[in-house]
Amino acid sequence: MRYKIVLVIISLFLIQNISYSQLFPRFSIAGGPTIGWFWNNTDDINAQLQDIGIPGISKDGFLTLGGGGFVDLPIKSIRWLRVGGSGEGFTTQTQIITDSVTRTAYYHYGSGGISLDYVKTFGKSVELTLGAYIATGKLTIDLYQNTSSFGNWGSIFNEFNGTSASDNVAHKLSVRFYSARPQIGLGVFLAPFLYAKLNAGYQFSVNNNWYADDDIEVSNAPSGIKADGFIVNFGLNVGLFSK
């Protein structure tokens, strides 16, 4: 029994003298909200909107909101690797009212994916990251035209029986995209449990087919309505960090 106690004491002593960084060179797990700005090219969608008499949407970018998290893996051979996941999006609206007709368009962007980053530390408080965000998402355009008399329950359902024509129109156009965003980031530890991060990168994307309403494929869609553009975002992460 005494030998067992001595063995345990020696083992604890040896473990205590092995540095924590040798056992776990780096481990972090954290997450929180993000806010950013997306300079998305809107030339093609604005040309389409103006053709039907609706004012164009912003050419100066859109405020994005989202959230995400990341993990620094405690594997010494790849201690530089950070794996994360996040989502972001925005919605904007434009409208015109002429006589008794209201025309409205909504433009929506939503994206979710994973990030892979190389992490370079400077001291204990500052980090530089270089990596990529790989994602998929949807661009959606909702179009509405309503007259001042619209809103009667019976009239709405009668539009489907073919007995009367209607000036009230609603269409939803959407496309799935796949994107890659090379990005660079600067991170700062504000407290032992609080990490602030600023990322900047340019997003490249490819579109699938456009669909309208009840999944009806759309032909001849403008090629320039894409989820491309320069993106800057800021995240505030709360979590567990070991360095």
Foldseek 3Di string as FASTA:
>chain_A
DVVVVVVVVVVVVVVVPPDPCVVFVWKWKKKFKKKKWWQAAQVVVQVVCVVVPWHGDDNRTDIKIWMKMWIQHRDVVPSQKIKMKMKMKDKDKTWDDDDFKIKIKMKIWIKIFMWIWGWDDDPDWKIKIWTKTKIKTKIKMKIWMDGNPPDDPVVVVVCPVPPDDDPTDIKMKMWMKIKMWTKMKMKGAPDQFKIKMKMKTWMDMDIDFMAMDPRHTDPPDDRSNDSTGIMIMMTMMGIHIDD
